[in-house]
Amino acid sequence: MKTNHLESAKVFKAFCDETRLAILEMLQSGEKCACVLLEEVEVGQSTLSHHMKILLESGVISARKEGKWTYYSINEQGRKRALGLLQAITETPMLTGEADEKCCEKESVL
């Protein structure tokens, strides 16, 4: 899988903050209104907005508006993409059987 490093960084950035991880954990049980998230993570509205923007940009969550409220949920396509990125970036030739026998050939100097 060929990756776009900027897009990959957005995905991994979404997972590198404890508040965002808490939000994702809350969304595992289903869609949540921003007001519920706000109460549960105990941050201000602007801080929550910042975290939600990062999560949305990563594609890992989706948002929908209903009246004045925004509802968030885990995006299945984004979730699968994040899993694929992690697999692609951590896959090694040793695990796939594609490793070279030696990485470099040096002559011994004695």
PDB file of N, CA and C in Angstrom:
ATOM      1  N   MET A   1       0.851  -1.185   0.000  1.00  0.00           N
ATOM      2  CA  MET A   1       0.000   0.000   0.000  1.00  0.00           C
ATOM      3  C   MET A   1       0.893   1.243   0.000  1.00  0.00           C
ATOM      4  N   LYS A   2       0.811   2.018  -1.060  1.00  0.00           N
ATOM      5  CA  LYS A   2       1.540   3.281  -1.147  1.00  0.00           C
ATOM      6  C   LYS A   2       0.769   4.324  -0.345  1.00  0.00           C
ATOM      7  N   THR A   3       1.485   5.040   0.522  1.00  0.00           N
ATOM      8  CA  THR A   3       0.793   5.983   1.394  1.00  0.00           C
ATOM      9  C   THR A   3       1.202   7.415   1.118  1.00  0.00           C
ATOM     10  N   ASN A   4       0.265   8.304   1.337  1.00  0.00           N
ATOM     11  CA  ASN A   4       0.522   9.730   1.308  1.00  0.00           C
ATOM     12  C   ASN A   4       0.887  10.102   2.746  1.00  0.00           C
ATOM     13  N   HIS A   5       2.113  10.565   2.952  1.00  0.00           N
ATOM     14  CA  HIS A   5       2.604  10.805   4.307  1.00  0.00           C
ATOM     15  C   HIS A   5       1.801  11.864   5.057  1.00  0.00           C
ATOM     16  N   LEU A   6       1.337  12.891   4.385  1.00  0.00           N
ATOM     17  CA  LEU A   6       0.542  13.925   5.043  1.00  0.00           C
ATOM     18  C   LEU A   6      -0.784  13.352   5.528  1.00  0.00           C
ATOM     19  N   GLU A   7      -1.451  12.587   4.689  1.00  0.00           N
ATOM     20  CA  GLU A   7      -2.719  11.971   5.077  1.00  0.00           C
ATOM     21  C   GLU A   7      -2.508  10.942   6.182  1.00  0.00           C
ATOM     22  N   SER A   8      -1.430  10.190   6.106  1.00  0.00           N
ATOM     23  CA  SER A   8      -1.118   9.223   7.159  1.00  0.00           C
ATOM     24  C   SER A   8      -0.856   9.927   8.482  1.00  0.00           C
ATOM     25  N   ALA A   9      -0.136  11.032   8.442  1.00  0.00           N
ATOM     26  CA  ALA A   9       0.164  11.781   9.661  1.00  0.00           C
ATOM     27  C   ALA A   9      -1.114  12.282  10.318  1.00  0.00           C
ATOM     28  N   LYS A  10      -2.108  12.665   9.515  1.00  0.00           N
ATOM     29  CA  LYS A  10      -3.387  13.116  10.074  1.00  0.00           C
ATOM     30  C   LYS A  10      -4.069  11.988  10.844  1.00  0.00           C
ATOM     31  N   VAL A  11      -3.988  10.788  10.312  1.00  0.00           N
ATOM     32  CA  VAL A  11      -4.600   9.639  10.980  1.00  0.00           C
ATOM     33  C   VAL A  11      -3.884   9.356  12.294  1.00  0.00           C
ATOM     34  N   PHE A  12      -2.562   9.307  12.256  1.00  0.00           N
ATOM     35  CA  PHE A  12      -1.821   8.986  13.472  1.00  0.00           C
ATOM     36  C   PHE A  12      -1.897  10.108  14.505  1.00  0.00           C
ATOM     37  N   LYS A  13      -2.015  11.354  14.041  1.00  0.00           N
ATOM     38  CA  LYS A  13      -2.183  12.474  14.966  1.00  0.00           C
ATOM     39  C   LYS A  13      -3.485  12.317  15.753  1.00  0.00           C
ATOM     40  N   ALA A  14      -4.497  11.780  15.104  1.00  0.00           N
ATOM     41  CA  ALA A  14      -5.786  11.578  15.772  1.00  0.00           C
ATOM     42  C   ALA A  14      -5.657  10.633  16.963  1.00  0.00           C
ATOM     43  N   PHE A  15      -4.716   9.716  16.906  1.00  0.00           N
ATOM     44  CA  PHE A  15      -4.569   8.710  17.950  1.00  0.00           C
ATOM     45  C   PHE A  15      -3.525   9.064  19.005  1.00  0.00           C
ATOM     46  N   CYS A  16      -2.868  10.198  18.890  1.00  0.00           N
ATOM     47  CA  CYS A  16      -1.736  10.490  19.784  1.00  0.00           C
ATOM     48  C   CYS A  16      -2.076  11.476  20.905  1.00  0.00           C
ATOM     49  N   ASP A  17      -3.344  11.539  21.273  1.00  0.00           N
ATOM     50  CA  ASP A  17      -3.748  12.423  22.361  1.00  0.00           C
ATOM     51  C   ASP A  17      -4.747  11.682  23.243  1.00  0.00           C
ATOM     52  N   GLU A  18      -4.556  11.765  24.553  1.00  0.00           N
ATOM     53  CA  GLU A  18      -5.416  11.004  25.462  1.00  0.00           C
ATOM     54  C   GLU A  18      -6.875  11.457  25.413  1.00  0.00           C
ATOM     55  N   THR A  19      -7.127  12.723  25.163  1.00  0.00           N
ATOM     56  CA  THR A  19      -8.513  13.192  25.064  1.00  0.00           C
ATOM     57  C   THR A  19      -9.174  12.618  23.824  1.00  0.00           C
ATOM     58  N   ARG A  20      -8.456  12.618  22.702  1.00  0.00           N
ATOM     59  CA  ARG A  20      -9.017  12.052  21.469  1.00  0.00           C
ATOM     60  C   ARG A  20      -9.238  10.549  21.612  1.00  0.00           C
ATOM     61  N   LEU A  21      -8.343   9.870  22.302  1.00  0.00           N
ATOM     62  CA  LEU A  21      -8.540   8.436  22.540  1.00  0.00           C
ATOM     63  C   LEU A  21      -9.779   8.199  23.404  1.00  0.00           C
ATOM     64  N   ALA A  22      -9.991   9.057  24.392  1.00  0.00           N
ATOM     65  CA  ALA A  22     -11.187   8.944  25.237  1.00  0.00           C
ATOM     66  C   ALA A  22     -12.452   9.175  24.405  1.00  0.00           C
ATOM     67  N   ILE A  23     -12.396  10.134  23.502  1.00  0.00           N
ATOM     68  CA  ILE A  23     -13.541  10.405  22.629  1.00  0.00           C
ATOM     69  C   ILE A  23     -13.832   9.197  21.750  1.00  0.00           C
ATOM     70  N   LEU A  24     -12.783   8.629  21.157  1.00  0.00           N
ATOM     71  CA  LEU A  24     -12.972   7.444  20.310  1.00  0.00           C
ATOM     72  C   LEU A  24     -13.553   6.287  21.112  1.00  0.00           C
ATOM     73  N   GLU A  25     -13.089   6.123  22.332  1.00  0.00           N
ATOM     74  CA  GLU A  25     -13.616   5.064  23.192  1.00  0.00           C
ATOM     75  C   GLU A  25     -15.101   5.280  23.463  1.00  0.00           C
ATOM     76  N   MET A  26     -15.490   6.525  23.683  1.00  0.00           N
ATOM     77  CA  MET A  26     -16.902   6.827  23.907  1.00  0.00           C
ATOM     78  C   MET A  26     -17.740   6.538  22.659  1.00  0.00           C
ATOM     79  N   LEU A  27     -17.174   6.788  21.504  1.00  0.00           N
ATOM     80  CA  LEU A  27     -17.909   6.584  20.259  1.00  0.00           C
ATOM     81  C   LEU A  27     -18.024   5.112  19.871  1.00  0.00           C
ATOM     82  N   GLN A  28     -17.276   4.245  20.552  1.00  0.00           N
ATOM     83  CA  GLN A  28     -17.384   2.814  20.275  1.00  0.00           C
ATOM     84  C   GLN A  28     -18.792   2.293  20.527  1.00  0.00           C
ATOM     85  N   SER A  29     -19.498   2.900  21.459  1.00  0.00           N
ATOM     86  CA  SER A  29     -20.850   2.436  21.778  1.00  0.00           C
ATOM     87  C   SER A  29     -21.909   3.071  20.875  1.00  0.00           C
ATOM     88  N   GLY A  30     -21.482   3.920  19.945  1.00  0.00           N
ATOM     89  CA  GLY A  30     -22.420   4.510  18.999  1.00  0.00           C
ATOM     90  C   GLY A  30     -22.316   6.021  18.939  1.00  0.00           C
ATOM     91  N   GLU A  31     -23.148   6.593  18.088  1.00  0.00           N
ATOM     92  CA  GLU A  31     -23.157   8.029  17.842  1.00  0.00           C
ATOM     93  C   GLU A  31     -23.417   8.813  19.127  1.00  0.00           C
ATOM     94  N   LYS A  32     -22.695   9.935  19.264  1.00  0.00           N
ATOM     95  CA  LYS A  32     -22.854  10.806  20.429  1.00  0.00           C
ATOM     96  C   LYS A  32     -22.983  12.252  19.975  1.00  0.00           C
ATOM     97  N   CYS A  33     -23.828  12.977  20.682  1.00  0.00           N
ATOM     98  CA  CYS A  33     -23.977  14.414  20.469  1.00  0.00           C
ATOM     99  C   CYS A  33     -22.755  15.121  21.064  1.00  0.00           C
ATOM    100  N   ALA A  34     -22.393  16.231  20.489  1.00  0.00           N
ATOM    101  CA  ALA A  34     -21.269  17.012  21.011  1.00  0.00           C
ATOM    102  C   ALA A  34     -21.492  17.396  22.466  1.00  0.00           C
ATOM    103  N   CYS A  35     -22.737  17.644  22.849  1.00  0.00           N
ATOM    104  CA  CYS A  35     -23.015  18.032  24.239  1.00  0.00           C
ATOM    105  C   CYS A  35     -22.677  16.905  25.208  1.00  0.00           C
ATOM    106  N   VAL A  36     -22.891  15.670  24.807  1.00  0.00           N
ATOM    107  CA  VAL A  36     -22.549  14.513  25.643  1.00  0.00           C
ATOM    108  C   VAL A  36     -21.033  14.387  25.748  1.00  0.00           C
ATOM    109  N   LEU A  37     -20.357  14.527  24.626  1.00  0.00           N
ATOM    110  CA  LEU A  37     -18.892  14.448  24.627  1.00  0.00           C
ATOM    111  C   LEU A  37     -18.305  15.541  25.507  1.00  0.00           C
ATOM    112  N   LEU A  38     -18.869  16.715  25.404  1.00  0.00           N
ATOM    113  CA  LEU A  38     -18.404  17.862  26.180  1.00  0.00           C
ATOM    114  C   LEU A  38     -18.467  17.582  27.679  1.00  0.00           C
ATOM    115  N   GLU A  39     -19.553  17.007  28.114  1.00  0.00           N
ATOM    116  CA  GLU A  39     -19.700  16.662  29.538  1.00  0.00           C
ATOM    117  C   GLU A  39     -18.736  15.564  29.964  1.00  0.00           C
ATOM    118  N   GLU A  40     -18.595  14.560  29.137  1.00  0.00           N
ATOM    119  CA  GLU A  40     -17.802  13.386  29.497  1.00  0.00           C
ATOM    120  C   GLU A  40     -16.296  13.653  29.532  1.00  0.00           C
ATOM    121  N   VAL A  41     -15.778  14.411  28.581  1.00  0.00           N
ATOM    122  CA  VAL A  41     -14.322  14.622  28.534  1.00  0.00           C
ATOM    123  C   VAL A  41     -13.872  15.798  29.386  1.00  0.00           C
ATOM    124  N   GLU A  42     -14.827  16.544  29.902  1.00  0.00           N
ATOM    125  CA  GLU A  42     -14.544  17.644  30.822  1.00  0.00           C
ATOM    126  C   GLU A  42     -13.515  18.644  30.278  1.00  0.00           C
ATOM    127  N   VAL A  43     -13.790  19.128  29.083  1.00  0.00           N
ATOM    128  CA  VAL A  43     -12.980  20.190  28.474  1.00  0.00           C
ATOM    129  C   VAL A  43     -13.931  21.291  28.033  1.00  0.00           C
ATOM    130  N   GLY A  44     -13.387  22.428  27.694  1.00  0.00           N
ATOM    131  CA  GLY A  44     -14.195  23.519  27.185  1.00  0.00           C
ATOM    132  C   GLY A  44     -14.655  23.253  25.765  1.00  0.00           C
ATOM    133  N   GLN A  45     -15.631  24.031  25.335  1.00  0.00           N
ATOM    134  CA  GLN A  45     -16.190  23.855  23.989  1.00  0.00           C
ATOM    135  C   GLN A  45     -15.143  24.060  22.907  1.00  0.00           C
ATOM    136  N   SER A  46     -14.281  25.058  23.054  1.00  0.00           N
ATOM    137  CA  SER A  46     -13.274  25.315  22.016  1.00  0.00           C
ATOM    138  C   SER A  46     -12.236  24.189  21.969  1.00  0.00           C
ATOM    139  N   THR A  47     -11.904  23.623  23.127  1.00  0.00           N
ATOM    140  CA  THR A  47     -10.959  22.502  23.158  1.00  0.00           C
ATOM    141  C   THR A  47     -11.575  21.272  22.505  1.00  0.00           C
ATOM    142  N   LEU A  48     -12.846  21.007  22.806  1.00  0.00           N
ATOM    143  CA  LEU A  48     -13.530  19.882  22.172  1.00  0.00           C
ATOM    144  C   LEU A  48     -13.570  20.084  20.664  1.00  0.00           C
ATOM    145  N   SER A  49     -13.892  21.289  20.227  1.00  0.00           N
ATOM    146  CA  SER A  49     -13.934  21.580  18.786  1.00  0.00           C
ATOM    147  C   SER A  49     -12.587  21.303  18.126  1.00  0.00           C
ATOM    148  N   HIS A  50     -11.518  21.673  18.791  1.00  0.00           N
ATOM    149  CA  HIS A  50     -10.169  21.418  18.272  1.00  0.00           C
ATOM    150  C   HIS A  50      -9.939  19.914  18.094  1.00  0.00           C
ATOM    151  N   HIS A  51     -10.267  19.138  19.113  1.00  0.00           N
ATOM    152  CA  HIS A  51     -10.078  17.684  19.039  1.00  0.00           C
ATOM    153  C   HIS A  51     -10.957  17.053  17.963  1.00  0.00           C
ATOM    154  N   MET A  52     -12.191  17.521  17.860  1.00  0.00           N
ATOM    155  CA  MET A  52     -13.101  16.951  16.866  1.00  0.00           C
ATOM    156  C   MET A  52     -12.637  17.287  15.449  1.00  0.00           C
ATOM    157  N   LYS A  53     -12.073  18.474  15.268  1.00  0.00           N
ATOM    158  CA  LYS A  53     -11.543  18.854  13.953  1.00  0.00           C
ATOM    159  C   LYS A  53     -10.422  17.898  13.547  1.00  0.00           C
ATOM    160  N   ILE A  54      -9.542  17.590  14.464  1.00  0.00           N
ATOM    161  CA  ILE A  54      -8.431  16.672  14.168  1.00  0.00           C
ATOM    162  C   ILE A  54      -8.967  15.274  13.842  1.00  0.00           C
ATOM    163  N   LEU A  55      -9.924  14.807  14.631  1.00  0.00           N
ATOM    164  CA  LEU A  55     -10.516  13.495  14.377  1.00  0.00           C
ATOM    165  C   LEU A  55     -11.246  13.455  13.037  1.00  0.00           C
ATOM    166  N   LEU A  56     -11.969  14.523  12.715  1.00  0.00           N
ATOM    167  CA  LEU A  56     -12.675  14.585  11.433  1.00  0.00           C
ATOM    168  C   LEU A  56     -11.699  14.620  10.257  1.00  0.00           C
ATOM    169  N   GLU A  57     -10.635  15.420  10.379  1.00  0.00           N
ATOM    170  CA  GLU A  57      -9.634  15.507   9.307  1.00  0.00           C
ATOM    171  C   GLU A  57      -8.949  14.171   9.064  1.00  0.00           C
ATOM    172  N   SER A  58      -8.857  13.354  10.099  1.00  0.00           N
ATOM    173  CA  SER A  58      -8.225  12.043   9.952  1.00  0.00           C
ATOM    174  C   SER A  58      -9.119  11.076   9.186  1.00  0.00           C
ATOM    175  N   GLY A  59     -10.416  11.359   9.176  1.00  0.00           N
ATOM    176  CA  GLY A  59     -11.371  10.467   8.523  1.00  0.00           C
ATOM    177  C   GLY A  59     -11.845   9.337   9.422  1.00  0.00           C
ATOM    178  N   VAL A  60     -11.349   9.277  10.648  1.00  0.00           N
ATOM    179  CA  VAL A  60     -11.696   8.195  11.563  1.00  0.00           C
ATOM    180  C   VAL A  60     -13.113   8.367  12.120  1.00  0.00           C
ATOM    181  N   ILE A  61     -13.593   9.599  12.196  1.00  0.00           N
ATOM    182  CA  ILE A  61     -14.967   9.828  12.639  1.00  0.00           C
ATOM    183  C   ILE A  61     -15.730  10.608  11.578  1.00  0.00           C
ATOM    184  N   SER A  62     -17.040  10.568  11.707  1.00  0.00           N
ATOM    185  CA  SER A  62     -17.944  11.328  10.841  1.00  0.00           C
ATOM    186  C   SER A  62     -18.805  12.226  11.713  1.00  0.00           C
ATOM    187  N   ALA A  63     -19.343  13.266  11.114  1.00  0.00           N
ATOM    188  CA  ALA A  63     -20.225  14.186  11.826  1.00  0.00           C
ATOM    189  C   ALA A  63     -21.465  14.432  10.994  1.00  0.00           C
ATOM    190  N   ARG A  64     -22.555  14.648  11.703  1.00  0.00           N
ATOM    191  CA  ARG A  64     -23.795  15.061  11.037  1.00  0.00           C
ATOM    192  C   ARG A  64     -24.467  16.106  11.906  1.00  0.00           C
ATOM    193  N   LYS A  65     -25.048  17.095  11.253  1.00  0.00           N
ATOM    194  CA  LYS A  65     -25.736  18.183  11.945  1.00  0.00           C
ATOM    195  C   LYS A  65     -27.219  17.850  12.041  1.00  0.00           C
ATOM    196  N   GLU A  66     -27.779  18.177  13.191  1.00  0.00           N
ATOM    197  CA  GLU A  66     -29.221  18.076  13.387  1.00  0.00           C
ATOM    198  C   GLU A  66     -29.618  19.274  14.233  1.00  0.00           C
ATOM    199  N   GLY A  67     -30.231  20.241  13.593  1.00  0.00           N
ATOM    200  CA  GLY A  67     -30.543  21.490  14.277  1.00  0.00           C
ATOM    201  C   GLY A  67     -29.253  22.195  14.649  1.00  0.00           C
ATOM    202  N   LYS A  68     -29.140  22.589  15.906  1.00  0.00           N
ATOM    203  CA  LYS A  68     -27.927  23.282  16.333  1.00  0.00           C
ATOM    204  C   LYS A  68     -26.864  22.323  16.857  1.00  0.00           C
ATOM    205  N   TRP A  69     -27.174  21.034  16.915  1.00  0.00           N
ATOM    206  CA  TRP A  69     -26.238  20.055  17.474  1.00  0.00           C
ATOM    207  C   TRP A  69     -25.524  19.263  16.390  1.00  0.00           C
ATOM    208  N   THR A  70     -24.314  18.836  16.716  1.00  0.00           N
ATOM    209  CA  THR A  70     -23.542  17.968  15.837  1.00  0.00           C
ATOM    210  C   THR A  70     -23.400  16.619  16.523  1.00  0.00           C
ATOM    211  N   TYR A  71     -23.625  15.576  15.763  1.00  0.00           N
ATOM    212  CA  TYR A  71     -23.515  14.203  16.251  1.00  0.00           C
ATOM    213  C   TYR A  71     -22.319  13.535  15.582  1.00  0.00           C
ATOM    214  N   TYR A  72     -21.533  12.816  16.378  1.00  0.00           N
ATOM    215  CA  TYR A  72     -20.308  12.196  15.890  1.00  0.00           C
ATOM    216  C   TYR A  72     -20.388  10.687  16.032  1.00  0.00           C
ATOM    217  N   SER A  73     -19.732  10.000  15.096  1.00  0.00           N
ATOM    218  CA  SER A  73     -19.663   8.539  15.153  1.00  0.00           C
ATOM    219  C   SER A  73     -18.373   8.085  14.483  1.00  0.00           C
ATOM    220  N   ILE A  74     -17.990   6.863  14.774  1.00  0.00           N
ATOM    221  CA  ILE A  74     -16.804   6.295  14.123  1.00  0.00           C
ATOM    222  C   ILE A  74     -17.171   5.996  12.682  1.00  0.00           C
ATOM    223  N   ASN A  75     -16.310   6.402  11.767  1.00  0.00           N
ATOM    224  CA  ASN A  75     -16.506   6.183  10.338  1.00  0.00           C
ATOM    225  C   ASN A  75     -15.879   4.840   9.981  1.00  0.00           C
ATOM    226  N   GLU A  76     -16.679   3.914   9.504  1.00  0.00           N
ATOM    227  CA  GLU A  76     -16.181   2.555   9.217  1.00  0.00           C
ATOM    228  C   GLU A  76     -15.073   2.560   8.166  1.00  0.00           C
ATOM    229  N   GLN A  77     -15.228   3.339   7.114  1.00  0.00           N
ATOM    230  CA  GLN A  77     -14.176   3.421   6.093  1.00  0.00           C
ATOM    231  C   GLN A  77     -12.894   3.997   6.672  1.00  0.00           C
ATOM    232  N   GLY A  78     -13.021   5.044   7.479  1.00  0.00           N
ATOM    233  CA  GLY A  78     -11.864   5.659   8.114  1.00  0.00           C
ATOM    234  C   GLY A  78     -11.180   4.716   9.082  1.00  0.00           C
ATOM    235  N   ARG A  79     -11.966   3.945   9.805  1.00  0.00           N
ATOM    236  CA  ARG A  79     -11.424   2.956  10.736  1.00  0.00           C
ATOM    237  C   ARG A  79     -10.602   1.907   9.986  1.00  0.00           C
ATOM    238  N   LYS A  80     -11.164   1.409   8.890  1.00  0.00           N
ATOM    239  CA  LYS A  80     -10.463   0.400   8.091  1.00  0.00           C
ATOM    240  C   LYS A  80      -9.193   0.992   7.475  1.00  0.00           C
ATOM    241  N   ARG A  81      -9.272   2.235   7.041  1.00  0.00           N
ATOM    242  CA  ARG A  81      -8.097   2.894   6.446  1.00  0.00           C
ATOM    243  C   ARG A  81      -6.993   3.044   7.491  1.00  0.00           C
ATOM    244  N   ALA A  82      -7.354   3.432   8.720  1.00  0.00           N
ATOM    245  CA  ALA A  82      -6.361   3.574   9.791  1.00  0.00           C
ATOM    246  C   ALA A  82      -5.694   2.240  10.089  1.00  0.00           C
ATOM    247  N   LEU A  83      -6.484   1.186  10.131  1.00  0.00           N
ATOM    248  CA  LEU A  83      -5.917  -0.148  10.353  1.00  0.00           C
ATOM    249  C   LEU A  83      -4.958  -0.527   9.230  1.00  0.00           C
ATOM    250  N   GLY A  84      -5.357  -0.236   8.008  1.00  0.00           N
ATOM    251  CA  GLY A  84      -4.503  -0.532   6.848  1.00  0.00           C
ATOM    252  C   GLY A  84      -3.207   0.262   6.865  1.00  0.00           C
ATOM    253  N   LEU A  85      -3.284   1.534   7.260  1.00  0.00           N
ATOM    254  CA  LEU A  85      -2.082   2.361   7.348  1.00  0.00           C
ATOM    255  C   LEU A  85      -1.116   1.822   8.385  1.00  0.00           C
ATOM    256  N   LEU A  86      -1.647   1.437   9.544  1.00  0.00           N
ATOM    257  CA  LEU A  86      -0.796   0.888  10.590  1.00  0.00           C
ATOM    258  C   LEU A  86      -0.126  -0.393  10.116  1.00  0.00           C
ATOM    259  N   GLN A  87      -0.881  -1.227   9.448  1.00  0.00           N
ATOM    260  CA  GLN A  87      -0.314  -2.464   8.925  1.00  0.00           C
ATOM    261  C   GLN A  87       0.758  -2.170   7.884  1.00  0.00           C
ATOM    262  N   ALA A  88       0.478  -1.253   6.971  1.00  0.00           N
ATOM    263  CA  ALA A  88       1.423  -0.935   5.899  1.00  0.00           C
ATOM    264  C   ALA A  88       2.714  -0.321   6.430  1.00  0.00           C
ATOM    265  N   ILE A  89       2.588   0.543   7.425  1.00  0.00           N
ATOM    266  CA  ILE A  89       3.769   1.254   7.911  1.00  0.00           C
ATOM    267  C   ILE A  89       4.622   0.386   8.846  1.00  0.00           C
ATOM    268  N   THR A  90       4.033  -0.682   9.395  1.00  0.00           N
ATOM    269  CA  THR A  90       4.783  -1.543  10.314  1.00  0.00           C
ATOM    270  C   THR A  90       5.152  -2.881   9.709  1.00  0.00           C
ATOM    271  N   GLU A  91       4.723  -3.119   8.496  1.00  0.00           N
ATOM    272  CA  GLU A  91       5.051  -4.374   7.824  1.00  0.00           C
ATOM    273  C   GLU A  91       6.530  -4.386   7.470  1.00  0.00           C
ATOM    274  N   THR A  92       7.186  -5.471   7.780  1.00  0.00           N
ATOM    275  CA  THR A  92       8.609  -5.581   7.485  1.00  0.00           C
ATOM    276  C   THR A  92       8.855  -6.721   6.517  1.00  0.00           C
ATOM    277  N   PRO A  93       9.942  -6.654   5.773  1.00  0.00           N
ATOM    278  CA  PRO A  93      10.270  -7.743   4.856  1.00  0.00           C
ATOM    279  C   PRO A  93      10.423  -9.090   5.574  1.00  0.00           C
ATOM    280  N   MET A  94      10.898  -9.061   6.807  1.00  0.00           N
ATOM    281  CA  MET A  94      11.061 -10.311   7.564  1.00  0.00           C
ATOM    282  C   MET A  94       9.704 -10.983   7.794  1.00  0.00           C
ATOM    283  N   LEU A  95       8.662 -10.191   8.009  1.00  0.00           N
ATOM    284  CA  LEU A  95       7.342 -10.748   8.250  1.00  0.00           C
ATOM    285  C   LEU A  95       6.681 -11.245   6.973  1.00  0.00           C
ATOM    286  N   THR A  96       7.028 -10.651   5.853  1.00  0.00           N
ATOM    287  CA  THR A  96       6.404 -11.029   4.588  1.00  0.00           C
ATOM    288  C   THR A  96       7.244 -12.011   3.788  1.00  0.00           C
ATOM    289  N   GLY A  97       8.426 -12.348   4.295  1.00  0.00           N
ATOM    290  CA  GLY A  97       9.295 -13.288   3.596  1.00  0.00           C
ATOM    291  C   GLY A  97      10.043 -12.672   2.433  1.00  0.00           C
ATOM    292  N   GLU A  98      10.108 -11.352   2.359  1.00  0.00           N
ATOM    293  CA  GLU A  98      10.758 -10.677   1.251  1.00  0.00           C
ATOM    294  C   GLU A  98      12.115 -10.089   1.631  1.00  0.00           C
ATOM    295  N   ALA A  99      12.667 -10.493   2.751  1.00  0.00           N
ATOM    296  CA  ALA A  99      13.925  -9.910   3.221  1.00  0.00           C
ATOM    297  C   ALA A  99      15.102 -10.404   2.384  1.00  0.00           C
ATOM    298  N   ASP A 100      16.047  -9.522   2.174  1.00  0.00           N
ATOM    299  CA  ASP A 100      17.297  -9.909   1.545  1.00  0.00           C
ATOM    300  C   ASP A 100      18.089 -10.705   2.569  1.00  0.00           C
ATOM    301  N   GLU A 101      18.933 -11.604   2.068  1.00  0.00           N
ATOM    302  CA  GLU A 101      19.744 -12.375   3.002  1.00  0.00           C
ATOM    303  C   GLU A 101      20.706 -11.474   3.750  1.00  0.00           C
ATOM    304  N   LYS A 102      21.293 -10.526   3.068  1.00  0.00           N
ATOM    305  CA  LYS A 102      22.212  -9.589   3.703  1.00  0.00           C
ATOM    306  C   LYS A 102      21.866  -8.194   3.205  1.00  0.00           C
ATOM    307  N   CYS A 103      21.999  -7.221   4.084  1.00  0.00           N
ATOM    308  CA  CYS A 103      21.656  -5.868   3.668  1.00  0.00           C
ATOM    309  C   CYS A 103      22.835  -5.196   2.972  1.00  0.00           C
ATOM    310  N   CYS A 104      24.039  -5.620   3.287  1.00  0.00           N
ATOM    311  CA  CYS A 104      25.191  -5.031   2.614  1.00  0.00           C
ATOM    312  C   CYS A 104      26.315  -6.047   2.587  1.00  0.00           C
ATOM    313  N   GLU A 105      27.082  -5.961   1.579  1.00  0.00           N
ATOM    314  CA  GLU A 105      28.221  -6.845   1.399  1.00  0.00           C
ATOM    315  C   GLU A 105      29.479  -6.046   1.651  1.00  0.00           C
ATOM    316  N   LYS A 106      30.146  -6.311   2.732  1.00  0.00           N
ATOM    317  CA  LYS A 106      31.394  -5.622   3.040  1.00  0.00           C
ATOM    318  C   LYS A 106      32.520  -6.628   3.058  1.00  0.00           C
ATOM    319  N   GLU A 107      33.608  -6.203   2.492  1.00  0.00           N
ATOM    320  CA  GLU A 107      34.781  -7.076   2.543  1.00  0.00           C
ATOM    321  C   GLU A 107      35.459  -6.894   3.891  1.00  0.00           C
ATOM    322  N   SER A 108      35.910  -7.963   4.394  1.00  0.00           N
ATOM    323  CA  SER A 108      36.597  -7.928   5.661  1.00  0.00           C
ATOM    324  C   SER A 108      37.971  -7.310   5.482  1.00  0.00           C
ATOM    325  N   VAL A 109      38.310  -6.362   6.333  1.00  0.00           N
ATOM    326  CA  VAL A 109      39.614  -5.722   6.267  1.00  0.00           C
ATOM    327  C   VAL A 109      40.434  -6.230   7.450  1.00  0.00           C
ATOM    328  N   LEU A 110      41.470  -7.014   7.171  1.00  0.00           N
ATOM    329  CA  LEU A 110      42.349  -7.539   8.223  1.00  0.00           C
ATOM    330  C   LEU A 110      43.769  -7.209   7.972  1.00  0.00           C
TER     331      LEU A 110
END
